[in-house]
Amino acid sequence: MQPRNMSMSGVVDLAAVKAAQEAKAKAEQARAEAARNGGAGAVSPADLVIDVDEAGFESDVLQRSTEVPVVIDFWAEWCEPCKQLSPVLERLAVEYDGRFLLAKIDVDANQMLMQQFGVQGIPAVFAVVAGQALPLFQGAAGEAQIRQTLDQLVQVAEERFGLTGLVVDPEADPGAERPAAPERPAGPHDAALEAAVRALDAGDLAGAVQAYKNVLAEEPANTEAKLGLAQAELLQRVQDADPQRVRQEAAERPGDAQAQIAAADLDLVGGHVEDAFSRLVDTVRVTAGEERDAVRVRLLELFEVVGAEDPRVAAARRALARALY
């Protein structure tokens, strides 16, 4: 299975968000069960670093990423910088005590995975969270930078995807099979959320929008519904757009708020997150009054689609503040 981009190529992977929410509940149940049973179901510190190949990628990385962030270290025996970086990552995997799992992939033996992730050189470090891939850094990196990146990854995994990590017990047997976590009871809005996802898959954007609004009317803080509504409304806005005409009008009228808003929507759906954000920030700078406010509101809506914890959102928020004040 080919990895997905964590930035959703512009839109949220709702199936992954739902799986992550379920994973949070299961992980919390597993932690509670492990505590009650004196560590049963916990993993050994030795299990926090694993070697992964193409045959085991789906089970060892994709499936595990629904319960814990998986950091991937692409390396090779002949790579001297890799020999400096890998021990640091291995030590930090143990130090972070189950907050992430380190998967080591030998690029010489796993060329297909290297191509799927778009690795151009090594060392290269990626993460997979709830089935979605995120590039972390490439080349040599200092430990302070690595720690900062890992801290941000753990925070995003917990706050956005609900992943609380693995239970670690130094007394656990390495490689021991862990019992499956109990199934999570169905939530009050699960049926409506699943119907919304089915509507999205079927191209019924209006139906999906209404289904998400129905959930939010009863539970305004429902994370999946908020993300789903933002995505469905974005797709609804661009479904009948002529990309060539939209981009031509944006190029010809750089100060036209509506032209830039329409182009930014296409940028985001196409996966050009930074382009969408910078386009609207630049438009804020050259507009005023109601037009400026319309651009600002659309930018905030696109922040919601990408996710508040995404570093590109944080950077764009700072740029927006400078443009406004």
Protein backbone atom coordinates (compact mmCIF):
# COMPACT_ATOMS: atom_id res chain seq x y z
CA MET A 1 0.00 0.00 0.00
CA GLN A 2 1.36 3.37 -0.97
CA PRO A 3 1.68 5.87 1.86
CA ARG A 4 -0.56 8.91 1.89
CA ASN A 5 0.67 12.40 2.44
CA MET A 6 -0.12 13.64 5.94
CA SER A 7 -1.07 16.99 4.52
CA MET A 8 -3.83 15.21 2.64
CA SER A 9 -2.77 16.69 -0.69
CA GLY A 10 -4.85 19.58 0.49
CA VAL A 11 -7.80 17.75 2.04
CA VAL A 12 -8.36 15.72 5.19
CA ASP A 13 -8.35 11.92 5.03
CA LEU A 14 -11.52 11.40 7.03
CA ALA A 15 -11.15 7.65 7.25
CA ALA A 16 -7.78 8.15 8.90
CA VAL A 17 -9.18 10.75 11.29
CA LYS A 18 -11.96 8.38 12.32
CA ALA A 19 -9.51 5.51 12.72
CA ALA A 20 -7.30 7.74 14.84
CA GLN A 21 -10.15 8.71 17.12
CA GLU A 22 -10.97 5.05 17.61
CA ALA A 23 -7.29 4.34 18.18
CA LYS A 24 -7.19 6.93 20.96
CA ALA A 25 -10.02 5.22 22.78
CA LYS A 26 -8.42 1.81 22.30
CA ALA A 27 -5.01 3.07 23.40
CA GLU A 28 -6.46 4.59 26.54
CA GLN A 29 -8.27 1.32 27.26
CA ALA A 30 -5.06 -0.60 26.67
CA ARG A 31 -3.13 1.64 29.06
CA ALA A 32 -5.79 1.23 31.72
CA GLU A 33 -5.87 -2.54 31.17
CA ALA A 34 -2.09 -2.75 31.34
CA ALA A 35 -2.09 -0.84 34.62
CA ARG A 36 -4.74 -3.13 36.08
CA ASN A 37 -2.88 -6.27 34.97
CA GLY A 38 0.52 -5.19 36.14
CA GLY A 39 1.85 -4.32 32.69
CA ALA A 40 0.10 -6.98 30.60
CA GLY A 41 -0.11 -5.87 26.97
CA ALA A 42 2.88 -3.52 27.30
CA VAL A 43 5.84 -3.60 24.94
CA SER A 44 9.49 -3.90 25.80
CA PRO A 45 11.79 -0.90 25.17
CA ALA A 46 13.52 -3.14 22.62
CA ASP A 47 10.28 -3.25 20.61
CA LEU A 48 10.34 0.53 20.08
CA VAL A 49 12.90 0.15 17.28
CA ILE A 50 12.05 -2.22 14.43
CA ASP A 51 13.48 -3.14 11.04
CA VAL A 52 10.88 -2.89 8.28
CA ASP A 53 10.84 -4.19 4.72
CA GLU A 54 8.36 -3.94 1.85
CA ALA A 55 6.57 -7.15 2.82
CA GLY A 56 5.91 -5.96 6.37
CA PHE A 57 5.30 -2.28 5.67
CA GLU A 58 1.52 -2.40 5.87
CA SER A 59 1.36 -4.31 9.16
CA ASP A 60 4.48 -2.86 10.79
CA VAL A 61 3.98 0.78 9.75
CA LEU A 62 0.55 1.59 8.34
CA GLN A 63 -1.45 -0.46 10.81
CA ARG A 64 0.73 0.47 13.78
CA SER A 65 0.41 4.15 12.86
CA THR A 66 -3.24 4.07 13.99
CA GLU A 67 -2.05 3.64 17.58
CA VAL A 68 1.33 5.36 17.68
CA PRO A 69 3.28 7.75 15.40
CA VAL A 70 5.80 5.75 13.38
CA VAL A 71 9.05 7.55 12.58
CA ILE A 72 10.82 6.08 9.55
CA ASP A 73 14.59 6.21 9.28
CA PHE A 74 15.72 5.61 5.68
CA TRP A 75 19.33 4.49 5.83
CA ALA A 76 22.02 2.40 4.12
CA GLU A 77 25.14 0.64 5.33
CA TRP A 78 27.41 2.79 3.14
CA CYS A 79 25.88 6.08 4.39
CA GLU A 80 28.18 7.66 6.97
CA PRO A 81 25.71 10.39 8.08
CA CYS A 82 23.17 7.62 8.64
CA LYS A 83 25.54 5.95 11.07
CA GLN A 84 25.58 9.16 13.10
CA LEU A 85 21.84 9.83 12.96
CA SER A 86 20.42 6.36 13.52
CA PRO A 87 21.83 5.83 17.04
CA VAL A 88 20.38 9.19 18.11
CA LEU A 89 16.93 8.23 16.83
CA GLU A 90 17.16 4.82 18.49
CA ARG A 91 18.11 6.36 21.83
CA LEU A 92 15.31 8.93 21.60
CA ALA A 93 12.76 6.24 20.74
CA VAL A 94 13.48 4.62 24.10
CA GLU A 95 13.64 7.95 25.91
CA TYR A 96 10.22 9.03 24.56
CA ASP A 97 8.81 5.92 26.22
CA GLY A 98 6.34 4.73 23.61
CA ARG A 99 5.26 8.12 22.25
CA PHE A 100 6.62 7.07 18.87
CA LEU A 101 7.85 3.90 17.20
CA LEU A 102 11.05 3.95 15.13
CA ALA A 103 11.00 1.94 11.89
CA LYS A 104 14.34 1.50 10.12
CA ILE A 105 14.26 0.91 6.34
CA ASP A 106 17.36 -0.10 4.40
CA VAL A 107 16.98 1.71 1.06
CA ASP A 108 19.24 -0.74 -0.80
CA ALA A 109 16.92 -3.61 0.05
CA ASN A 110 13.66 -1.64 -0.25
CA GLN A 111 13.87 0.52 -3.35
CA MET A 112 10.09 0.55 -3.84
CA LEU A 113 9.45 2.12 -0.44
CA MET A 114 12.15 4.68 -1.12
CA GLN A 115 10.40 5.64 -4.37
CA GLN A 116 6.94 5.73 -2.81
CA PHE A 117 8.09 8.21 -0.19
CA GLY A 118 9.97 10.26 -2.77
CA VAL A 119 13.27 9.93 -0.95
CA GLN A 120 15.93 11.83 -2.90
CA GLY A 121 18.85 11.25 -0.56
CA ILE A 122 19.70 9.73 2.78
CA PRO A 123 19.53 9.96 5.67
CA ALA A 124 15.86 10.87 5.33
CA VAL A 125 13.34 10.78 8.14
CA PHE A 126 9.56 10.60 7.69
CA ALA A 127 6.63 9.94 9.99
CA VAL A 128 3.41 8.05 9.39
CA VAL A 129 0.45 9.06 11.55
CA ALA A 130 -2.94 7.37 11.16
CA GLY A 131 -1.86 6.05 7.77
CA GLN A 132 -0.65 9.41 6.47
CA ALA A 133 2.97 10.22 5.64
CA LEU A 134 4.78 13.38 6.70
CA PRO A 135 8.36 14.34 5.80
CA LEU A 136 10.30 15.37 8.89
CA PHE A 137 13.83 16.17 7.75
CA GLN A 138 16.57 15.04 5.38
CA GLY A 139 20.31 14.97 5.91
CA ALA A 140 22.27 15.60 9.05
CA ALA A 141 20.41 17.17 11.97
CA GLY A 142 21.42 18.14 15.47
CA GLU A 143 19.80 16.51 18.46
CA ALA A 144 18.08 19.73 19.50
CA GLN A 145 16.43 19.99 16.08
CA ILE A 146 15.44 16.33 16.20
CA ARG A 147 13.90 16.71 19.64
CA GLN A 148 11.94 19.78 18.54
CA THR A 149 10.61 17.90 15.50
CA LEU A 150 9.66 14.86 17.56
CA ASP A 151 7.94 17.00 20.19
CA GLN A 152 5.85 18.62 17.48
CA LEU A 153 5.05 15.22 15.95
CA VAL A 154 3.90 13.81 19.29
CA GLN A 155 1.77 16.88 19.94
CA VAL A 156 0.08 16.68 16.53
CA ALA A 157 -0.49 12.94 16.93
CA GLU A 158 -2.14 13.42 20.32
CA GLU A 159 -4.13 16.60 19.69
CA ARG A 160 -5.24 16.08 16.11
CA PHE A 161 -5.28 12.30 15.72
CA GLY A 162 -5.80 11.16 19.30
CA LEU A 163 -2.78 8.83 19.39
CA THR A 164 -1.55 8.35 22.95
CA GLY A 165 1.25 5.93 22.08
CA LEU A 166 2.31 2.55 23.43
CA VAL A 167 2.52 1.27 26.99
CA VAL A 168 6.17 0.42 27.74
CA ASP A 169 7.29 -1.97 30.47
CA PRO A 170 11.02 -2.64 30.97
CA GLU A 171 10.10 -6.10 32.30
CA ALA A 172 8.08 -7.07 29.21
CA ASP A 173 9.47 -9.80 26.96
CA PRO A 174 10.81 -8.37 23.68
CA GLY A 175 8.70 -9.44 20.72
CA ALA A 176 5.82 -10.69 22.86
CA GLU A 177 2.44 -10.60 21.15
CA ARG A 178 0.17 -7.97 22.62
CA PRO A 179 -3.49 -8.70 23.23
CA ALA A 180 -5.96 -6.84 21.09
CA ALA A 181 -7.60 -3.84 22.73
CA PRO A 182 -11.31 -4.13 23.41
CA GLU A 183 -13.62 -2.72 20.79
CA ARG A 184 -14.76 0.82 21.37
CA PRO A 185 -18.51 1.21 21.95
CA ALA A 186 -20.27 2.96 19.11
CA GLY A 187 -20.54 6.70 19.61
CA PRO A 188 -23.86 8.55 19.35
CA HIS A 189 -22.95 10.10 15.99
CA ASP A 190 -21.00 7.25 14.39
CA ALA A 191 -23.81 6.33 11.99
CA ALA A 192 -24.21 9.94 10.83
CA LEU A 193 -20.46 10.37 10.39
CA GLU A 194 -20.16 7.16 8.41
CA ALA A 195 -23.08 8.27 6.23
CA ALA A 196 -21.27 11.56 5.61
CA VAL A 197 -18.10 9.74 4.53
CA ARG A 198 -20.14 7.50 2.22
CA ALA A 199 -21.76 10.60 0.73
CA LEU A 200 -18.31 12.09 0.11
CA ASP A 201 -17.14 8.90 -1.56
CA ALA A 202 -20.25 8.92 -3.76
CA GLY A 203 -19.72 12.56 -4.73
CA ASP A 204 -22.84 13.73 -2.85
CA LEU A 205 -21.19 16.80 -1.39
CA ALA A 206 -24.43 18.50 -0.41
CA GLY A 207 -25.49 15.40 1.50
CA ALA A 208 -22.12 15.22 3.26
CA VAL A 209 -22.28 18.90 4.22
CA GLN A 210 -25.73 18.47 5.70
CA ALA A 211 -24.75 15.31 7.59
CA TYR A 212 -21.77 17.03 9.20
CA LYS A 213 -23.88 20.06 10.09
CA ASN A 214 -26.42 17.78 11.75
CA VAL A 215 -23.71 16.29 13.95
CA LEU A 216 -22.28 19.70 14.83
CA ALA A 217 -25.72 21.00 15.75
CA GLU A 218 -25.77 18.44 18.57
CA GLU A 219 -22.04 18.30 19.31
CA PRO A 220 -20.28 21.53 18.21
CA ALA A 221 -16.85 20.29 19.33
CA ASN A 222 -16.91 17.04 17.31
CA THR A 223 -13.47 17.05 15.66
CA GLU A 224 -14.28 14.66 12.84
CA ALA A 225 -17.43 16.55 11.89
CA LYS A 226 -15.59 19.89 11.89
CA LEU A 227 -12.83 18.53 9.68
CA GLY A 228 -15.32 16.77 7.44
CA LEU A 229 -17.48 19.84 6.99
CA ALA A 230 -14.47 21.97 6.10
CA GLN A 231 -13.38 19.42 3.52
CA ALA A 232 -16.83 18.88 2.03
CA GLU A 233 -17.46 22.62 1.69
CA LEU A 234 -14.08 23.08 0.01
CA LEU A 235 -14.77 20.30 -2.48
CA GLN A 236 -18.24 21.71 -3.08
CA ARG A 237 -16.76 25.09 -3.97
CA VAL A 238 -14.34 23.70 -6.56
CA GLN A 239 -16.38 20.88 -8.09
CA ASP A 240 -17.69 22.96 -11.02
CA ALA A 241 -14.69 25.25 -11.37
CA ASP A 242 -12.69 25.53 -14.59
CA PRO A 243 -9.11 25.40 -13.24
CA GLN A 244 -7.58 27.05 -16.31
CA ARG A 245 -10.03 29.95 -16.23
CA VAL A 246 -9.72 30.38 -12.45
CA ARG A 247 -5.95 30.54 -12.60
CA GLN A 248 -5.95 32.88 -15.59
CA GLU A 249 -8.29 35.30 -13.82
CA ALA A 250 -6.14 35.17 -10.68
CA ALA A 251 -3.02 35.94 -12.72
CA GLU A 252 -4.69 38.81 -14.55
CA ARG A 253 -6.29 40.33 -11.42
CA PRO A 254 -3.85 40.01 -8.51
CA GLY A 255 -5.84 42.48 -6.39
CA ASP A 256 -9.24 40.84 -6.98
CA ALA A 257 -10.29 39.17 -3.74
CA GLN A 258 -12.74 36.69 -5.25
CA ALA A 259 -10.34 35.65 -8.01
CA GLN A 260 -7.59 34.95 -5.49
CA ILE A 261 -9.98 33.12 -3.14
CA ALA A 262 -11.09 30.81 -5.96
CA ALA A 263 -7.48 30.13 -6.95
CA ALA A 264 -6.50 29.45 -3.34
CA ASP A 265 -9.22 26.80 -3.07
CA LEU A 266 -7.78 25.06 -6.14
CA ASP A 267 -4.26 25.38 -4.71
CA LEU A 268 -5.29 23.60 -1.53
CA VAL A 269 -7.23 20.82 -3.25
CA GLY A 270 -4.20 20.27 -5.47
CA GLY A 271 -1.93 19.88 -2.44
CA HIS A 272 -0.18 23.27 -2.78
CA VAL A 273 -0.80 24.28 0.82
CA GLU A 274 1.85 26.99 1.12
CA ASP A 275 0.79 28.50 -2.22
CA ALA A 276 -2.82 28.73 -1.08
CA PHE A 277 -1.85 30.40 2.19
CA SER A 278 0.66 32.84 0.73
CA ARG A 279 -1.75 33.80 -2.07
CA LEU A 280 -4.40 34.85 0.44
CA VAL A 281 -1.96 36.55 2.81
CA ASP A 282 -0.65 38.59 -0.14
CA THR A 283 -4.23 39.47 -1.10
CA VAL A 284 -4.94 40.66 2.45
CA ARG A 285 -2.07 43.10 2.06
CA VAL A 286 -3.52 44.72 -1.07
CA THR A 287 -7.24 44.77 -0.18
CA ALA A 288 -9.36 46.64 2.35
CA GLY A 289 -12.78 46.65 3.92
CA GLU A 290 -15.23 43.87 3.08
CA GLU A 291 -12.94 42.37 0.43
CA ARG A 292 -10.09 42.05 2.89
CA ASP A 293 -12.40 40.51 5.47
CA ALA A 294 -13.66 37.96 2.93
CA VAL A 295 -10.08 36.92 2.17
CA ARG A 296 -9.26 36.65 5.87
CA VAL A 297 -12.31 34.50 6.55
CA ARG A 298 -11.50 32.14 3.68
CA LEU A 299 -7.93 31.81 4.92
CA LEU A 300 -9.20 30.84 8.37
CA GLU A 301 -11.47 28.25 6.76
CA LEU A 302 -8.51 26.75 4.91
CA PHE A 303 -6.58 26.63 8.19
CA GLU A 304 -9.43 24.49 9.53
CA VAL A 305 -9.10 22.09 6.58
CA VAL A 306 -5.37 21.59 7.06
CA GLY A 307 -5.42 21.52 10.86
CA ALA A 308 -4.34 24.02 13.48
CA GLU A 309 -1.32 21.94 14.54
CA ASP A 310 0.23 21.88 11.05
CA PRO A 311 3.40 24.03 11.09
CA ARG A 312 2.40 25.63 7.79
CA VAL A 313 -0.77 26.88 9.45
CA ALA A 314 1.22 28.36 12.32
CA ALA A 315 3.54 30.13 9.87
CA ALA A 316 0.62 31.44 7.83
CA ARG A 317 -1.13 32.71 10.96
CA ARG A 318 1.96 34.75 11.82
CA ALA A 319 2.13 36.09 8.26
CA LEU A 320 -1.57 36.98 8.39
CA ALA A 321 -1.10 38.85 11.66
CA ARG A 322 1.73 40.87 10.12
CA ALA A 323 -0.38 41.63 7.06
CA LEU A 324 -3.33 42.78 9.17
CA TYR A 325 -1.44 44.81 11.75
